[in-house]
Amino acid sequence: MRADRSLADLPVVAVTARSDRDASVDALAAGADDYFAKPYDWELLFSRARWLLSRSATLANLRRADTAVGEGARSRAARPRSPSCARGWGAGWTRAADWSRA
């Protein structure tokens, strides 16, 4: 599920009847974002679910913004440069001492 880009931002919550420590460690190691065992505290479960969905939306927005910035940088890099820029920084400039002779 994490390998699928369209699903990668979705939070995974393991909800189970197993309450032993090893089960929670295994679930979290497998990629779950959170783990709940019976008996469920519904208020806590819903609160954590809201937080995970909010985090997921924030991460998705950051990825979209990062992609937009990257695309803008690629389009700027693809633009032709002026001749002085193509030769490198300062190639078309003279030293300040040369200006005083002008």
Protein backbone atom coordinates (compact mmCIF):
# COMPACT_ATOMS: atom_id res chain seq x y z
CA MET A 1 0.00 0.00 0.00
CA ARG A 2 2.84 2.44 0.81
CA ALA A 3 4.43 1.73 -2.58
CA ASP A 4 1.29 2.96 -4.42
CA ARG A 5 1.72 6.74 -4.77
CA SER A 6 -2.03 7.33 -4.74
CA LEU A 7 -2.33 5.57 -1.37
CA ALA A 8 1.00 6.49 0.22
CA ASP A 9 -0.41 9.44 2.19
CA LEU A 10 -3.34 7.51 3.67
CA PRO A 11 -2.89 6.74 7.34
CA VAL A 12 -3.00 3.09 8.40
CA VAL A 13 -4.50 2.27 11.78
CA ALA A 14 -4.35 -1.27 13.14
CA VAL A 15 -7.50 -2.01 15.14
CA THR A 16 -7.40 -5.44 16.72
CA ALA A 17 -8.36 -7.64 19.63
CA ARG A 18 -4.71 -8.49 20.27
CA SER A 19 -3.47 -6.33 23.11
CA ASP A 20 -0.01 -7.78 23.60
CA ARG A 21 3.04 -5.57 23.12
CA ASP A 22 4.51 -7.74 20.34
CA ALA A 23 1.38 -7.31 18.21
CA SER A 24 1.57 -3.51 18.43
CA VAL A 25 5.32 -3.53 17.69
CA ASP A 26 4.75 -5.80 14.68
CA ALA A 27 1.94 -3.61 13.32
CA LEU A 28 3.96 -0.41 13.70
CA ALA A 29 7.04 -2.06 12.18
CA ALA A 30 4.90 -3.15 9.21
CA GLY A 31 4.03 0.51 8.55
CA ALA A 32 0.91 1.22 10.60
CA ASP A 33 0.65 4.80 11.82
CA ASP A 34 -1.21 3.86 14.97
CA TYR A 35 -2.43 0.80 16.86
CA PHE A 36 -5.58 0.22 18.92
CA ALA A 37 -6.47 -2.89 20.88
CA LYS A 38 -9.71 -3.85 22.60
CA PRO A 39 -11.33 -2.43 24.60
CA TYR A 40 -11.38 0.66 22.41
CA ASP A 41 -11.56 4.16 23.79
CA TRP A 42 -13.74 5.52 20.98
CA GLU A 43 -13.10 9.16 21.80
CA LEU A 44 -9.34 8.57 21.64
CA LEU A 45 -9.65 6.47 18.48
CA PHE A 46 -11.61 9.18 16.66
CA SER A 47 -9.33 11.92 17.94
CA ARG A 48 -6.23 10.11 16.69
CA ALA A 49 -7.96 9.34 13.37
CA ARG A 50 -8.75 13.05 12.88
CA TRP A 51 -5.14 13.94 13.68
CA LEU A 52 -3.80 11.31 11.26
CA LEU A 53 -6.11 12.53 8.47
CA SER A 54 -5.02 16.12 9.13
CA ARG A 55 -1.35 15.07 9.01
CA SER A 56 -2.00 13.15 5.81
CA ALA A 57 -3.61 16.18 4.15
CA THR A 58 -0.72 18.40 5.25
CA LEU A 59 1.84 15.98 3.81
CA ALA A 60 -0.08 15.75 0.54
CA ASN A 61 -0.21 19.58 0.30
CA LEU A 62 3.53 19.81 0.99
CA ARG A 63 4.28 17.24 -1.70
CA ARG A 64 2.13 19.13 -4.22
CA ALA A 65 3.88 22.41 -3.34
CA ASP A 66 7.28 20.74 -3.60
CA THR A 67 6.35 19.33 -7.01
CA ALA A 68 5.19 22.76 -8.19
CA VAL A 69 8.44 24.37 -7.02
CA GLY A 70 10.44 21.63 -8.74
CA GLU A 71 8.53 22.10 -11.99
CA GLY A 72 9.12 25.86 -11.83
CA ALA A 73 12.85 25.30 -11.33
CA ARG A 74 12.97 22.87 -14.26
CA SER A 75 11.16 25.33 -16.53
CA ARG A 76 13.56 28.13 -15.51
CA ALA A 77 16.53 25.85 -16.19
CA ALA A 78 15.17 25.07 -19.65
CA ARG A 79 15.01 28.76 -20.67
CA PRO A 80 17.80 29.98 -22.95
CA ARG A 81 20.39 32.10 -21.19
CA SER A 82 21.71 35.42 -22.35
CA PRO A 83 25.23 35.27 -23.86
CA SER A 84 26.94 36.77 -20.80
CA CYS A 85 25.25 34.23 -18.52
CA ALA A 86 26.21 31.37 -20.81
CA ARG A 87 29.92 32.18 -20.39
CA GLY A 88 29.65 32.05 -16.61
CA TRP A 89 29.36 34.54 -13.79
CA GLY A 90 31.16 37.77 -14.49
CA ALA A 91 32.31 36.80 -17.98
CA GLY A 92 30.68 39.86 -19.56
CA TRP A 93 31.79 42.27 -16.83
CA THR A 94 34.91 44.34 -16.51
CA ARG A 95 36.78 45.19 -13.34
CA ALA A 96 35.99 48.41 -11.48
CA ALA A 97 39.49 49.68 -12.31
CA ASP A 98 38.65 49.44 -16.02
CA TRP A 99 35.60 51.65 -15.50
CA SER A 100 37.66 54.51 -14.16
CA ARG A 101 39.55 54.69 -17.49
CA ALA A 102 36.36 54.99 -19.51
